[in-house]
């Protein structure tokens, strides 16, 4: 179970870093740039720990799927970036894919 916690931490750190990347304005603002570097460092370290047990394809699918949805939500909240109906439907499919993998796949160890 600990490796799933590492994956969650990796996802959250990556989402924070990616959101701060927008605020860093091309690494021209110091504090957001520090958050980007620290966030990605934590994200990749925790992802590496998670990959000790979780298959790389499964971990990356969850990382990218959940990350895309979370970054999109934060971009909407903090930057006012809106989505149209096809984009929302696509996000729903991403979430459905992550759920199907975790609930039904024999590849995912619980």
Protein backbone atom coordinates (compact mmCIF):
# COMPACT_ATOMS: atom_id res chain seq x y z
CA UNK A 1 0.00 0.00 0.00
CA UNK A 2 2.92 2.36 0.64
CA UNK A 3 3.78 2.44 -3.06
CA UNK A 4 0.32 3.75 -3.89
CA UNK A 5 0.91 6.57 -1.39
CA UNK A 6 4.15 7.37 -3.23
CA UNK A 7 2.22 7.51 -6.48
CA UNK A 8 -0.36 9.87 -5.00
CA UNK A 9 2.39 12.14 -3.66
CA UNK A 10 4.09 12.04 -7.08
CA UNK A 11 0.86 13.06 -8.81
CA UNK A 12 0.11 15.90 -6.39
CA UNK A 13 3.70 17.21 -6.59
CA UNK A 14 3.62 17.09 -10.40
CA UNK A 15 0.29 18.93 -10.50
CA UNK A 16 1.62 21.64 -8.16
CA UNK A 17 4.81 21.96 -10.26
CA UNK A 18 2.91 22.13 -13.54
CA UNK A 19 0.52 24.75 -12.19
CA UNK A 20 3.45 26.79 -10.87
CA UNK A 21 5.12 26.48 -14.28
CA UNK A 22 2.43 28.74 -15.73
CA UNK A 23 3.00 31.23 -12.90
CA UNK A 24 6.79 31.15 -13.34
CA UNK A 25 6.37 33.09 -16.60
CA UNK A 26 9.14 31.24 -18.39
CA UNK A 27 11.23 30.91 -15.21
CA UNK A 28 11.40 34.70 -14.90
CA UNK A 29 9.70 34.77 -11.48
CA UNK A 30 11.76 33.29 -8.64
CA UNK A 31 9.21 31.81 -6.20
CA UNK A 32 7.09 29.97 -8.77
CA UNK A 33 10.31 28.73 -10.42
CA UNK A 34 11.50 27.29 -7.11
CA UNK A 35 8.11 25.57 -6.67
CA UNK A 36 8.46 24.07 -10.18
CA UNK A 37 11.92 22.62 -9.53
CA UNK A 38 11.02 21.35 -6.03
CA UNK A 39 7.69 19.92 -7.19
CA UNK A 40 9.14 18.00 -10.12
CA UNK A 41 12.00 16.74 -7.92
CA UNK A 42 9.56 15.35 -5.37
CA UNK A 43 7.31 14.00 -8.12
CA UNK A 44 10.01 12.04 -9.91
CA UNK A 45 11.55 10.76 -6.68
CA UNK A 46 8.20 9.46 -5.43
CA UNK A 47 7.33 8.04 -8.86
CA UNK A 48 10.63 6.14 -8.82
CA UNK A 49 9.74 4.69 -5.41
CA UNK A 50 6.25 3.75 -6.60
CA UNK A 51 7.73 1.94 -9.61
CA UNK A 52 9.44 -0.53 -7.29
CA UNK A 53 6.09 -2.32 -7.07
CA UNK A 54 3.58 -0.78 -9.47
CA UNK A 55 4.07 -1.70 -13.16
CA UNK A 56 5.45 1.27 -15.09
CA UNK A 57 2.61 1.32 -17.65
CA UNK A 58 -0.05 1.31 -14.96
CA UNK A 59 1.71 3.92 -12.84
CA UNK A 60 2.25 6.21 -15.81
CA UNK A 61 -1.33 5.86 -17.01
CA UNK A 62 -2.63 6.79 -13.57
CA UNK A 63 -0.04 9.58 -13.16
CA UNK A 64 -0.84 11.16 -16.50
CA UNK A 65 -4.60 10.64 -16.40
CA UNK A 66 -5.16 11.98 -12.92
CA UNK A 67 -2.56 14.70 -13.48
CA UNK A 68 -4.25 15.96 -16.65
CA UNK A 69 -7.62 16.19 -14.94
CA UNK A 70 -6.22 17.89 -11.83
CA UNK A 71 -4.14 20.41 -13.80
CA UNK A 72 -7.18 21.22 -15.93
CA UNK A 73 -9.30 21.87 -12.84
CA UNK A 74 -6.61 24.08 -11.30
CA UNK A 75 -6.15 25.97 -14.59
CA UNK A 76 -9.88 26.67 -14.57
CA UNK A 77 -9.88 27.81 -10.91
CA UNK A 78 -6.66 29.86 -10.89
CA UNK A 79 -6.26 31.02 -14.49
CA UNK A 80 -9.86 31.12 -15.72
CA UNK A 81 -9.16 28.62 -18.51
CA UNK A 82 -12.48 27.18 -19.69
CA UNK A 83 -13.26 23.88 -21.39
CA UNK A 84 -15.83 23.11 -24.06
CA UNK A 85 -18.07 20.02 -24.02
CA UNK A 86 -15.71 17.76 -26.03
CA UNK A 87 -12.84 18.59 -23.64
CA UNK A 88 -15.03 17.77 -20.64
CA UNK A 89 -16.11 14.51 -22.28
CA UNK A 90 -12.47 13.64 -22.91
CA UNK A 91 -11.64 14.26 -19.25
CA UNK A 92 -14.51 11.96 -18.31
CA UNK A 93 -13.05 9.23 -20.50
CA UNK A 94 -9.65 9.67 -18.87
CA UNK A 95 -11.19 9.30 -15.42
CA UNK A 96 -13.18 6.26 -16.59
CA UNK A 97 -9.99 4.67 -17.93
CA UNK A 98 -8.17 5.11 -14.64
CA UNK A 99 -11.13 3.65 -12.75
CA UNK A 100 -11.41 0.65 -15.10
CA UNK A 101 -7.69 -0.09 -14.72
CA UNK A 102 -7.83 0.09 -10.95
CA UNK A 103 -11.04 -1.85 -10.47
CA UNK A 104 -10.93 -4.50 -13.18
CA UNK A 105 -7.33 -5.00 -14.32
CA UNK A 106 -5.35 -7.98 -13.07
CA UNK A 107 -2.19 -5.96 -13.78
CA UNK A 108 -2.90 -3.55 -10.93
CA UNK A 109 -1.93 -5.06 -7.60
CA UNK A 110 -3.94 -3.89 -4.61
